[in-house]
PDB file of N, CA and C in Angstrom:
ATOM      1  N   MET A   1       0.894  -1.265  -0.088  1.00  0.00           N
ATOM      2  CA  MET A   1      -0.193   0.367  -0.035  1.00  0.00           C
ATOM      3  C   MET A   1       1.002   1.170   0.025  1.00  0.00           C
ATOM      4  N   PRO A   2       2.253   1.301  -0.083  1.00  0.00           N
ATOM      5  CA  PRO A   2       2.581   2.757  -0.522  1.00  0.00           C
ATOM      6  C   PRO A   2       2.357   3.076  -1.364  1.00  0.00           C
ATOM      7  N   CYS A   3       2.487   4.316  -1.352  1.00  0.00           N
ATOM      8  CA  CYS A   3       2.003   5.241  -2.599  1.00  0.00           C
ATOM      9  C   CYS A   3       3.259   6.377  -2.529  1.00  0.00           C
ATOM     10  N   LEU A   4       4.275   6.944  -3.713  1.00  0.00           N
ATOM     11  CA  LEU A   4       5.188   7.359  -4.036  1.00  0.00           C
ATOM     12  C   LEU A   4       4.518   8.149  -5.234  1.00  0.00           C
ATOM     13  N   GLU A   5       4.789   9.841  -4.951  1.00  0.00           N
ATOM     14  CA  GLU A   5       4.596  10.658  -5.664  1.00  0.00           C
ATOM     15  C   GLU A   5       5.915  11.298  -6.059  1.00  0.00           C
ATOM     16  N   LEU A   6       6.610  11.414  -7.065  1.00  0.00           N
ATOM     17  CA  LEU A   6       7.673  12.530  -7.675  1.00  0.00           C
ATOM     18  C   LEU A   6       7.143  13.585  -8.597  1.00  0.00           C
ATOM     19  N   THR A   7       7.550  14.646  -7.838  1.00  0.00           N
ATOM     20  CA  THR A   7       7.320  16.112  -8.594  1.00  0.00           C
ATOM     21  C   THR A   7       8.849  16.661  -9.034  1.00  0.00           C
ATOM     22  N   THR A   8       8.812  16.842 -10.124  1.00  0.00           N
ATOM     23  CA  THR A   8      10.193  17.271 -10.778  1.00  0.00           C
ATOM     24  C   THR A   8      10.087  18.268 -11.585  1.00  0.00           C
ATOM     25  N   ASN A   9      11.104  19.227 -11.953  1.00  0.00           N
ATOM     26  CA  ASN A   9      11.094  20.315 -12.989  1.00  0.00           C
ATOM     27  C   ASN A   9      11.990  19.657 -14.142  1.00  0.00           C
ATOM     28  N   VAL A  10      12.593  18.523 -14.136  1.00  0.00           N
ATOM     29  CA  VAL A  10      13.239  17.739 -15.273  1.00  0.00           C
ATOM     30  C   VAL A  10      12.302  17.160 -15.983  1.00  0.00           C
ATOM     31  N   ARG A  11      12.667  16.895 -16.975  1.00  0.00           N
ATOM     32  CA  ARG A  11      12.023  16.376 -18.061  1.00  0.00           C
ATOM     33  C   ARG A  11      12.058  14.612 -18.260  1.00  0.00           C
ATOM     34  N   VAL A  12      11.464  13.642 -17.488  1.00  0.00           N
ATOM     35  CA  VAL A  12      11.796  12.651 -17.694  1.00  0.00           C
ATOM     36  C   VAL A  12      11.619  11.655 -19.192  1.00  0.00           C
ATOM     37  N   GLN A  13      12.552  11.280 -19.562  1.00  0.00           N
ATOM     38  CA  GLN A  13      12.167  10.551 -20.609  1.00  0.00           C
ATOM     39  C   GLN A  13      11.839   9.297 -20.616  1.00  0.00           C
ATOM     40  N   ASP A  14      11.730   8.538 -19.789  1.00  0.00           N
ATOM     41  CA  ASP A  14      11.158   7.242 -19.759  1.00  0.00           C
ATOM     42  C   ASP A  14      10.510   6.986 -18.550  1.00  0.00           C
ATOM     43  N   LYS A  15       9.577   7.376 -18.446  1.00  0.00           N
ATOM     44  CA  LYS A  15       8.653   7.473 -17.080  1.00  0.00           C
ATOM     45  C   LYS A  15       8.059   6.170 -16.740  1.00  0.00           C
ATOM     46  N   ASN A  16       8.078   5.208 -17.616  1.00  0.00           N
ATOM     47  CA  ASN A  16       7.422   3.759 -17.004  1.00  0.00           C
ATOM     48  C   ASN A  16       8.835   3.143 -16.583  1.00  0.00           C
ATOM     49  N   THR A  17      10.238   3.467 -17.384  1.00  0.00           N
ATOM     50  CA  THR A  17      11.170   2.747 -16.471  1.00  0.00           C
ATOM     51  C   THR A  17      11.545   3.287 -15.190  1.00  0.00           C
ATOM     52  N   LEU A  18      11.384   4.829 -14.980  1.00  0.00           N
ATOM     53  CA  LEU A  18      11.508   5.335 -13.933  1.00  0.00           C
ATOM     54  C   LEU A  18      10.544   4.907 -12.677  1.00  0.00           C
ATOM     55  N   MET A  19       9.431   4.753 -13.175  1.00  0.00           N
ATOM     56  CA  MET A  19       8.319   4.494 -12.245  1.00  0.00           C
ATOM     57  C   MET A  19       8.615   3.097 -11.803  1.00  0.00           C
ATOM     58  N   ARG A  20       9.073   2.235 -12.478  1.00  0.00           N
ATOM     59  CA  ARG A  20       9.298   0.842 -12.252  1.00  0.00           C
ATOM     60  C   ARG A  20      10.482   0.844 -11.407  1.00  0.00           C
ATOM     61  N   SER A  21      11.520   1.246 -11.393  1.00  0.00           N
ATOM     62  CA  SER A  21      12.622   1.271 -10.752  1.00  0.00           C
ATOM     63  C   SER A  21      12.479   2.113  -9.118  1.00  0.00           C
ATOM     64  N   LEU A  22      11.413   3.412  -9.136  1.00  0.00           N
ATOM     65  CA  LEU A  22      11.178   3.667  -7.924  1.00  0.00           C
ATOM     66  C   LEU A  22      10.026   2.688  -7.348  1.00  0.00           C
ATOM     67  N   SER A  23       9.538   1.688  -7.742  1.00  0.00           N
ATOM     68  CA  SER A  23       8.331   0.998  -7.270  1.00  0.00           C
ATOM     69  C   SER A  23       9.191  -0.160  -6.777  1.00  0.00           C
ATOM     70  N   ALA A  24      10.270  -0.891  -7.267  1.00  0.00           N
ATOM     71  CA  ALA A  24      11.271  -1.732  -6.831  1.00  0.00           C
ATOM     72  C   ALA A  24      11.924  -1.388  -5.581  1.00  0.00           C
ATOM     73  N   CYS A  25      12.564  -0.152  -5.755  1.00  0.00           N
ATOM     74  CA  CYS A  25      13.177   0.384  -4.630  1.00  0.00           C
ATOM     75  C   CYS A  25      12.454   0.711  -3.315  1.00  0.00           C
ATOM     76  N   VAL A  26      11.339   0.999  -3.349  1.00  0.00           N
ATOM     77  CA  VAL A  26      10.827   1.119  -2.215  1.00  0.00           C
ATOM     78  C   VAL A  26      10.251   0.113  -1.800  1.00  0.00           C
ATOM     79  N   CYS A  27       9.736  -0.860  -2.268  1.00  0.00           N
ATOM     80  CA  CYS A  27       9.112  -2.188  -1.878  1.00  0.00           C
ATOM     81  C   CYS A  27      10.455  -2.632  -1.217  1.00  0.00           C
ATOM     82  N   THR A  28      11.386  -2.987  -2.051  1.00  0.00           N
ATOM     83  CA  THR A  28      12.739  -3.601  -1.371  1.00  0.00           C
ATOM     84  C   THR A  28      13.145  -3.106   0.139  1.00  0.00           C
ATOM     85  N   GLU A  29      13.220  -1.975  -0.018  1.00  0.00           N
ATOM     86  CA  GLU A  29      13.881  -0.901   0.977  1.00  0.00           C
ATOM     87  C   GLU A  29      12.824  -1.224   2.476  1.00  0.00           C
ATOM     88  N   LEU A  30      11.603  -0.759   1.964  1.00  0.00           N
ATOM     89  CA  LEU A  30      10.333  -1.360   3.268  1.00  0.00           C
ATOM     90  C   LEU A  30       9.893  -2.352   3.290  1.00  0.00           C
ATOM     91  N   CYS A  31      10.458  -3.468   2.895  1.00  0.00           N
ATOM     92  CA  CYS A  31       9.912  -4.811   2.719  1.00  0.00           C
ATOM     93  C   CYS A  31       8.480  -4.897   2.608  1.00  0.00           C
ATOM     94  N   LYS A  32       7.999  -4.410   1.338  1.00  0.00           N
ATOM     95  CA  LYS A  32       6.493  -4.381   1.341  1.00  0.00           C
ATOM     96  C   LYS A  32       6.568  -5.288  -0.239  1.00  0.00           C
ATOM     97  N   ALA A  33       5.072  -5.899  -0.272  1.00  0.00           N
ATOM     98  CA  ALA A  33       4.872  -6.400  -1.508  1.00  0.00           C
ATOM     99  C   ALA A  33       4.700  -5.375  -2.773  1.00  0.00           C
ATOM    100  N   GLU A  34       5.265  -5.510  -3.595  1.00  0.00           N
ATOM    101  CA  GLU A  34       4.778  -4.654  -5.110  1.00  0.00           C
ATOM    102  C   GLU A  34       3.565  -4.635  -5.383  1.00  0.00           C
ATOM    103  N   THR A  35       2.849  -5.872  -5.047  1.00  0.00           N
ATOM    104  CA  THR A  35       1.101  -5.970  -5.616  1.00  0.00           C
ATOM    105  C   THR A  35       0.612  -4.644  -5.370  1.00  0.00           C
ATOM    106  N   TYR A  36       0.821  -3.788  -4.073  1.00  0.00           N
ATOM    107  CA  TYR A  36       0.126  -2.594  -3.896  1.00  0.00           C
ATOM    108  C   TYR A  36       0.648  -1.458  -4.072  1.00  0.00           C
ATOM    109  N   MET A  37       1.858  -1.536  -4.603  1.00  0.00           N
ATOM    110  CA  MET A  37       2.606  -0.222  -4.726  1.00  0.00           C
ATOM    111  C   MET A  37       2.148   0.498  -5.778  1.00  0.00           C
ATOM    112  N   MET A  38       2.074   2.325  -5.286  1.00  0.00           N
ATOM    113  CA  MET A  38       1.731   2.695  -6.579  1.00  0.00           C
ATOM    114  C   MET A  38       2.307   3.758  -6.792  1.00  0.00           C
ATOM    115  N   VAL A  39       3.218   4.278  -7.903  1.00  0.00           N
ATOM    116  CA  VAL A  39       3.930   5.554  -8.300  1.00  0.00           C
ATOM    117  C   VAL A  39       3.140   6.357  -9.021  1.00  0.00           C
ATOM    118  N   MET A  40       3.398   7.414  -9.077  1.00  0.00           N
ATOM    119  CA  MET A  40       2.973   8.859  -9.716  1.00  0.00           C
ATOM    120  C   MET A  40       4.171   9.555 -10.356  1.00  0.00           C
ATOM    121  N   VAL A  41       4.431  10.352 -11.608  1.00  0.00           N
ATOM    122  CA  VAL A  41       5.509  11.318 -11.526  1.00  0.00           C
ATOM    123  C   VAL A  41       4.909  12.091 -12.484  1.00  0.00           C
ATOM    124  N   LYS A  42       5.381  13.373 -11.829  1.00  0.00           N
ATOM    125  CA  LYS A  42       4.673  14.630 -12.663  1.00  0.00           C
ATOM    126  C   LYS A  42       6.260  15.356 -12.920  1.00  0.00           C
ATOM    127  N   ASP A  43       6.339  15.334 -14.165  1.00  0.00           N
ATOM    128  CA  ASP A  43       7.733  16.248 -14.687  1.00  0.00           C
ATOM    129  C   ASP A  43       7.336  17.267 -15.059  1.00  0.00           C
ATOM    130  N   GLU A  44       8.417  18.116 -15.616  1.00  0.00           N
ATOM    131  CA  GLU A  44       8.655  19.242 -16.261  1.00  0.00           C
ATOM    132  C   GLU A  44       7.591  20.218 -15.394  1.00  0.00           C
ATOM    133  N   MET A  45       7.504  20.295 -14.395  1.00  0.00           N
ATOM    134  CA  MET A  45       6.631  20.743 -13.271  1.00  0.00           C
ATOM    135  C   MET A  45       7.489  22.376 -13.235  1.00  0.00           C
ATOM    136  N   PRO A  46       7.236  23.409 -13.232  1.00  0.00           N
ATOM    137  CA  PRO A  46       7.717  24.926 -12.760  1.00  0.00           C
ATOM    138  C   PRO A  46       7.548  24.519 -11.426  1.00  0.00           C
ATOM    139  N   MET A  47       9.221  24.812 -10.835  1.00  0.00           N
ATOM    140  CA  MET A  47       9.650  24.603  -9.212  1.00  0.00           C
ATOM    141  C   MET A  47      10.723  25.303  -9.221  1.00  0.00           C
ATOM    142  N   LEU A  48      10.868  26.057  -8.003  1.00  0.00           N
ATOM    143  CA  LEU A  48      11.851  26.830  -7.521  1.00  0.00           C
ATOM    144  C   LEU A  48      12.230  26.637  -6.057  1.00  0.00           C
ATOM    145  N   PHE A  49      13.738  26.112  -6.147  1.00  0.00           N
ATOM    146  CA  PHE A  49      13.907  25.798  -4.596  1.00  0.00           C
ATOM    147  C   PHE A  49      15.270  26.769  -4.660  1.00  0.00           C
ATOM    148  N   GLY A  50      15.593  27.283  -3.493  1.00  0.00           N
ATOM    149  CA  GLY A  50      16.672  27.820  -3.002  1.00  0.00           C
ATOM    150  C   GLY A  50      16.944  29.094  -3.709  1.00  0.00           C
ATOM    151  N   GLY A  51      15.682  29.641  -4.335  1.00  0.00           N
ATOM    152  CA  GLY A  51      15.587  31.052  -5.282  1.00  0.00           C
ATOM    153  C   GLY A  51      16.009  30.689  -6.537  1.00  0.00           C
ATOM    154  N   ASN A  52      16.383  29.410  -7.230  1.00  0.00           N
ATOM    155  CA  ASN A  52      16.692  29.176  -8.439  1.00  0.00           C
ATOM    156  C   ASN A  52      15.896  27.963  -9.039  1.00  0.00           C
ATOM    157  N   ASP A  53      15.620  27.852 -10.416  1.00  0.00           N
ATOM    158  CA  ASP A  53      14.833  26.644 -10.861  1.00  0.00           C
ATOM    159  C   ASP A  53      16.087  25.858 -11.662  1.00  0.00           C
ATOM    160  N   GLU A  54      16.752  25.250 -10.813  1.00  0.00           N
ATOM    161  CA  GLU A  54      17.739  24.517 -11.564  1.00  0.00           C
ATOM    162  C   GLU A  54      17.052  23.258 -10.973  1.00  0.00           C
ATOM    163  N   PRO A  55      17.722  22.089 -11.816  1.00  0.00           N
ATOM    164  CA  PRO A  55      16.895  20.483 -11.568  1.00  0.00           C
ATOM    165  C   PRO A  55      16.802  20.590  -9.636  1.00  0.00           C
ATOM    166  N   VAL A  56      15.429  19.743  -9.348  1.00  0.00           N
ATOM    167  CA  VAL A  56      14.674  19.817  -8.297  1.00  0.00           C
ATOM    168  C   VAL A  56      13.811  18.882  -8.285  1.00  0.00           C
ATOM    169  N   ALA A  57      13.877  18.005  -7.009  1.00  0.00           N
ATOM    170  CA  ALA A  57      12.845  16.885  -6.895  1.00  0.00           C
ATOM    171  C   ALA A  57      12.323  17.284  -5.511  1.00  0.00           C
ATOM    172  N   HIS A  58      10.683  16.742  -5.572  1.00  0.00           N
ATOM    173  CA  HIS A  58       9.916  16.330  -4.467  1.00  0.00           C
ATOM    174  C   HIS A  58       9.452  15.237  -4.382  1.00  0.00           C
ATOM    175  N   MET A  59       9.555  14.410  -3.245  1.00  0.00           N
ATOM    176  CA  MET A  59       8.671  13.172  -3.199  1.00  0.00           C
ATOM    177  C   MET A  59       7.900  13.147  -2.038  1.00  0.00           C
ATOM    178  N   SER A  60       6.961  12.464  -2.342  1.00  0.00           N
ATOM    179  CA  SER A  60       5.974  12.192  -1.451  1.00  0.00           C
ATOM    180  C   SER A  60       5.689  10.570  -0.740  1.00  0.00           C
ATOM    181  N   LEU A  61       6.440   9.979   0.130  1.00  0.00           N
ATOM    182  CA  LEU A  61       5.694   8.537   0.405  1.00  0.00           C
ATOM    183  C   LEU A  61       4.844   8.652   1.545  1.00  0.00           C
ATOM    184  N   ARG A  62       3.707   8.033   1.173  1.00  0.00           N
ATOM    185  CA  ARG A  62       2.881   7.636   2.375  1.00  0.00           C
ATOM    186  C   ARG A  62       2.429   6.295   2.496  1.00  0.00           C
ATOM    187  N   ALA A  63       2.760   5.598   3.395  1.00  0.00           N
ATOM    188  CA  ALA A  63       2.284   4.157   3.767  1.00  0.00           C
ATOM    189  C   ALA A  63       2.074   4.022   4.937  1.00  0.00           C
ATOM    190  N   LEU A  64       1.466   2.269   5.092  1.00  0.00           N
ATOM    191  CA  LEU A  64       1.423   2.162   6.589  1.00  0.00           C
ATOM    192  C   LEU A  64       2.548   1.336   7.173  1.00  0.00           C
ATOM    193  N   GLY A  65       2.648   2.000   8.540  1.00  0.00           N
ATOM    194  CA  GLY A  65       3.841   1.147   9.176  1.00  0.00           C
ATOM    195  C   GLY A  65       5.027   1.274   9.231  1.00  0.00           C
ATOM    196  N   LEU A  66       5.141   2.766   8.881  1.00  0.00           N
ATOM    197  CA  LEU A  66       6.750   3.188   8.309  1.00  0.00           C
ATOM    198  C   LEU A  66       7.077   2.922   9.554  1.00  0.00           C
ATOM    199  N   LYS A  67       8.678   2.290   9.427  1.00  0.00           N
ATOM    200  CA  LYS A  67       9.576   2.343  10.733  1.00  0.00           C
ATOM    201  C   LYS A  67      11.163   3.353  10.339  1.00  0.00           C
ATOM    202  N   ASP A  68      11.328   4.111  11.398  1.00  0.00           N
ATOM    203  CA  ASP A  68      12.792   5.163  11.082  1.00  0.00           C
ATOM    204  C   ASP A  68      13.684   4.202  10.687  1.00  0.00           C
ATOM    205  N   ASP A  69      14.038   3.310  10.499  1.00  0.00           N
ATOM    206  CA  ASP A  69      15.638   2.678  10.396  1.00  0.00           C
ATOM    207  C   ASP A  69      15.313   2.824   8.989  1.00  0.00           C
ATOM    208  N   LEU A  70      14.090   1.765   8.391  1.00  0.00           N
ATOM    209  CA  LEU A  70      14.081   2.048   7.062  1.00  0.00           C
ATOM    210  C   LEU A  70      13.904   3.075   6.109  1.00  0.00           C
ATOM    211  N   ILE A  71      13.124   4.525   6.851  1.00  0.00           N
ATOM    212  CA  ILE A  71      12.956   5.266   6.351  1.00  0.00           C
ATOM    213  C   ILE A  71      14.310   6.097   5.764  1.00  0.00           C
ATOM    214  N   ARG A  72      15.411   6.133   6.753  1.00  0.00           N
ATOM    215  CA  ARG A  72      16.468   6.439   6.784  1.00  0.00           C
ATOM    216  C   ARG A  72      17.338   5.779   5.307  1.00  0.00           C
ATOM    217  N   LYS A  73      17.359   4.734   5.339  1.00  0.00           N
ATOM    218  CA  LYS A  73      17.800   3.846   4.484  1.00  0.00           C
ATOM    219  C   LYS A  73      17.373   4.277   2.815  1.00  0.00           C
ATOM    220  N   LEU A  74      16.027   4.146   3.163  1.00  0.00           N
ATOM    221  CA  LEU A  74      15.206   4.640   1.636  1.00  0.00           C
ATOM    222  C   LEU A  74      15.423   6.076   1.242  1.00  0.00           C
ATOM    223  N   ALA A  75      15.203   6.937   2.310  1.00  0.00           N
ATOM    224  CA  ALA A  75      15.750   8.361   2.002  1.00  0.00           C
ATOM    225  C   ALA A  75      16.958   8.063   1.058  1.00  0.00           C
ATOM    226  N   GLY A  76      18.032   7.652   1.442  1.00  0.00           N
ATOM    227  CA  GLY A  76      19.445   7.487   0.732  1.00  0.00           C
ATOM    228  C   GLY A  76      19.331   7.174  -0.719  1.00  0.00           C
ATOM    229  N   ALA A  77      18.143   6.063  -0.538  1.00  0.00           N
ATOM    230  CA  ALA A  77      18.042   5.286  -1.914  1.00  0.00           C
ATOM    231  C   ALA A  77      17.328   5.873  -3.063  1.00  0.00           C
ATOM    232  N   LEU A  78      16.477   6.698  -2.629  1.00  0.00           N
ATOM    233  CA  LEU A  78      15.922   7.459  -3.355  1.00  0.00           C
ATOM    234  C   LEU A  78      16.450   8.772  -4.055  1.00  0.00           C
ATOM    235  N   THR A  79      16.835   9.428  -2.674  1.00  0.00           N
ATOM    236  CA  THR A  79      18.116  10.803  -3.416  1.00  0.00           C
ATOM    237  C   THR A  79      19.023  10.086  -4.312  1.00  0.00           C
ATOM    238  N   GLU A  80      19.776   9.115  -3.904  1.00  0.00           N
ATOM    239  CA  GLU A  80      20.679   8.987  -5.102  1.00  0.00           C
ATOM    240  C   GLU A  80      20.267   8.615  -6.347  1.00  0.00           C
ATOM    241  N   MET A  81      18.818   7.679  -6.719  1.00  0.00           N
ATOM    242  CA  MET A  81      17.939   7.351  -7.876  1.00  0.00           C
ATOM    243  C   MET A  81      17.745   8.864  -8.670  1.00  0.00           C
ATOM    244  N   MET A  82      17.438   9.910  -7.668  1.00  0.00           N
ATOM    245  CA  MET A  82      17.259  11.038  -8.319  1.00  0.00           C
ATOM    246  C   MET A  82      18.513  11.399  -9.199  1.00  0.00           C
ATOM    247  N   HIS A  83      19.537  11.689  -8.368  1.00  0.00           N
ATOM    248  CA  HIS A  83      20.995  11.739  -9.070  1.00  0.00           C
ATOM    249  C   HIS A  83      21.442  11.234  -9.989  1.00  0.00           C
ATOM    250  N   THR A  84      21.201   9.761 -10.022  1.00  0.00           N
ATOM    251  CA  THR A  84      21.444   8.701 -11.035  1.00  0.00           C
ATOM    252  C   THR A  84      20.911   9.007 -12.470  1.00  0.00           C
ATOM    253  N   GLU A  85      19.387   9.094 -12.085  1.00  0.00           N
ATOM    254  CA  GLU A  85      18.350   8.988 -13.152  1.00  0.00           C
ATOM    255  C   GLU A  85      18.021  10.208 -14.054  1.00  0.00           C
ATOM    256  N   LEU A  86      18.284  11.295 -12.833  1.00  0.00           N
ATOM    257  CA  LEU A  86      17.505  12.509 -13.472  1.00  0.00           C
ATOM    258  C   LEU A  86      18.749  13.974 -13.229  1.00  0.00           C
ATOM    259  N   GLY A  87      19.898  13.409 -12.664  1.00  0.00           N
ATOM    260  CA  GLY A  87      20.936  14.326 -12.468  1.00  0.00           C
ATOM    261  C   GLY A  87      20.590  15.315 -11.584  1.00  0.00           C
ATOM    262  N   ILE A  88      19.784  15.034 -10.815  1.00  0.00           N
ATOM    263  CA  ILE A  88      19.479  16.284  -9.601  1.00  0.00           C
ATOM    264  C   ILE A  88      20.298  15.851  -8.267  1.00  0.00           C
ATOM    265  N   GLU A  89      21.209  16.953  -7.929  1.00  0.00           N
ATOM    266  CA  GLU A  89      21.807  16.692  -6.598  1.00  0.00           C
ATOM    267  C   GLU A  89      21.205  16.625  -5.494  1.00  0.00           C
ATOM    268  N   SER A  90      21.851  15.846  -4.953  1.00  0.00           N
ATOM    269  CA  SER A  90      21.069  15.492  -3.395  1.00  0.00           C
ATOM    270  C   SER A  90      20.653  16.890  -2.188  1.00  0.00           C
ATOM    271  N   GLN A  91      20.949  17.771  -2.590  1.00  0.00           N
ATOM    272  CA  GLN A  91      20.867  18.952  -1.789  1.00  0.00           C
ATOM    273  C   GLN A  91      19.382  19.683  -2.440  1.00  0.00           C
ATOM    274  N   ARG A  92      19.003  18.969  -3.600  1.00  0.00           N
ATOM    275  CA  ARG A  92      17.832  19.567  -4.399  1.00  0.00           C
ATOM    276  C   ARG A  92      16.991  18.336  -4.336  1.00  0.00           C
ATOM    277  N   VAL A  93      16.958  17.549  -2.989  1.00  0.00           N
ATOM    278  CA  VAL A  93      15.355  16.774  -3.061  1.00  0.00           C
ATOM    279  C   VAL A  93      15.262  16.653  -1.949  1.00  0.00           C
ATOM    280  N   TYR A  94      13.961  16.676  -1.802  1.00  0.00           N
ATOM    281  CA  TYR A  94      12.699  16.548  -0.425  1.00  0.00           C
ATOM    282  C   TYR A  94      12.186  15.500  -0.699  1.00  0.00           C
ATOM    283  N   ILE A  95      12.250  14.742   0.491  1.00  0.00           N
ATOM    284  CA  ILE A  95      11.394  13.651   0.620  1.00  0.00           C
ATOM    285  C   ILE A  95      10.433  13.926   1.900  1.00  0.00           C
ATOM    286  N   ALA A  96       9.229  13.589   1.717  1.00  0.00           N
ATOM    287  CA  ALA A  96       7.909  13.767   3.057  1.00  0.00           C
ATOM    288  C   ALA A  96       7.482  12.300   3.253  1.00  0.00           C
ATOM    289  N   PHE A  97       7.662  11.750   4.328  1.00  0.00           N
ATOM    290  CA  PHE A  97       7.317  10.523   4.312  1.00  0.00           C
ATOM    291  C   PHE A  97       5.976  10.630   5.659  1.00  0.00           C
ATOM    292  N   THR A  98       4.991  10.010   5.231  1.00  0.00           N
ATOM    293  CA  THR A  98       3.850   9.823   6.172  1.00  0.00           C
ATOM    294  C   THR A  98       3.811   8.642   6.218  1.00  0.00           C
ATOM    295  N   ASP A  99       3.619   8.224   7.486  1.00  0.00           N
ATOM    296  CA  ASP A  99       2.731   6.967   8.103  1.00  0.00           C
ATOM    297  C   ASP A  99       1.380   6.871   8.068  1.00  0.00           C
ATOM    298  N   VAL A 100       0.635   6.819   7.505  1.00  0.00           N
ATOM    299  CA  VAL A 100      -0.712   6.655   7.373  1.00  0.00           C
ATOM    300  C   VAL A 100      -1.738   5.588   8.461  1.00  0.00           C
ATOM    301  N   ASP A 101      -2.198   6.266   9.089  1.00  0.00           N
ATOM    302  CA  ASP A 101      -3.145   5.360  10.171  1.00  0.00           C
ATOM    303  C   ASP A 101      -3.585   4.443   9.343  1.00  0.00           C
ATOM    304  N   PRO A 102      -4.097   2.936   9.622  1.00  0.00           N
ATOM    305  CA  PRO A 102      -4.793   2.284   8.829  1.00  0.00           C
ATOM    306  C   PRO A 102      -5.963   2.283   8.363  1.00  0.00           C
ATOM    307  N   GLY A 103      -6.728   3.123   9.700  1.00  0.00           N
ATOM    308  CA  GLY A 103      -8.186   3.826   9.660  1.00  0.00           C
ATOM    309  C   GLY A 103      -8.494   4.683   8.612  1.00  0.00           C
ATOM    310  N   MET A 104      -7.808   5.388   7.893  1.00  0.00           N
ATOM    311  CA  MET A 104      -7.528   6.312   7.141  1.00  0.00           C
ATOM    312  C   MET A 104      -6.790   5.993   5.812  1.00  0.00           C
ATOM    313  N   TRP A 105      -6.808   4.604   5.558  1.00  0.00           N
ATOM    314  CA  TRP A 105      -6.267   4.448   4.126  1.00  0.00           C
ATOM    315  C   TRP A 105      -7.182   3.290   3.663  1.00  0.00           C
ATOM    316  N   ALA A 106      -7.813   3.380   2.792  1.00  0.00           N
ATOM    317  CA  ALA A 106      -8.804   2.143   1.978  1.00  0.00           C
ATOM    318  C   ALA A 106      -8.513   1.494   0.483  1.00  0.00           C
ATOM    319  N   TRP A 107      -8.536   0.795   0.690  1.00  0.00           N
ATOM    320  CA  TRP A 107      -8.252  -0.036  -0.691  1.00  0.00           C
ATOM    321  C   TRP A 107      -9.400  -1.305  -0.993  1.00  0.00           C
ATOM    322  N   ASP A 108     -10.063  -1.446  -2.273  1.00  0.00           N
ATOM    323  CA  ASP A 108     -10.784  -2.393  -2.536  1.00  0.00           C
ATOM    324  C   ASP A 108     -12.214  -2.040  -1.621  1.00  0.00           C
ATOM    325  N   GLY A 109     -12.794  -0.734  -1.413  1.00  0.00           N
ATOM    326  CA  GLY A 109     -13.887  -0.207  -0.380  1.00  0.00           C
ATOM    327  C   GLY A 109     -13.738  -0.504   0.647  1.00  0.00           C
ATOM    328  N   ARG A 110     -12.775  -0.796   1.213  1.00  0.00           N
ATOM    329  CA  ARG A 110     -12.448  -0.815   2.994  1.00  0.00           C
ATOM    330  C   ARG A 110     -11.259  -0.478   3.054  1.00  0.00           C
ATOM    331  N   THR A 111     -11.008  -0.035   4.423  1.00  0.00           N
ATOM    332  CA  THR A 111      -9.884   0.464   4.915  1.00  0.00           C
ATOM    333  C   THR A 111      -9.348  -0.897   5.631  1.00  0.00           C
ATOM    334  N   PHE A 112      -7.779  -0.033   6.080  1.00  0.00           N
ATOM    335  CA  PHE A 112      -6.991  -0.959   6.603  1.00  0.00           C
ATOM    336  C   PHE A 112      -7.231  -1.675   8.113  1.00  0.00           C
ATOM    337  N   ALA A 113      -8.016  -0.622   8.429  1.00  0.00           N
ATOM    338  CA  ALA A 113      -8.120  -1.232  10.273  1.00  0.00           C
ATOM    339  C   ALA A 113      -9.148  -2.301  10.470  1.00  0.00           C
TER     340      ALA A 113
END
């Protein structure tokens, strides 16, 4: 049930490949099944960070049962992927992690609580 949203001002040449890589990375690092993983990529968005529009990324990850030690490792892996895949420097990547209450997340018409 992880959901990752990437917003960047960079043009993503192959969104499908990037989404598959992001999905695998999140599921591997969080020890979650990819069956319920959702990834969204919004590229070429007007974005400003630190007063300039150089390559930048904002990622938002929502999931159930996030653990601090896994988040730290995942933050490094996702940031490295942004540098490798999109040429975005690590200090220009924000990642917001949200551990969602199971009663506030639904799938297939019912919540996880």
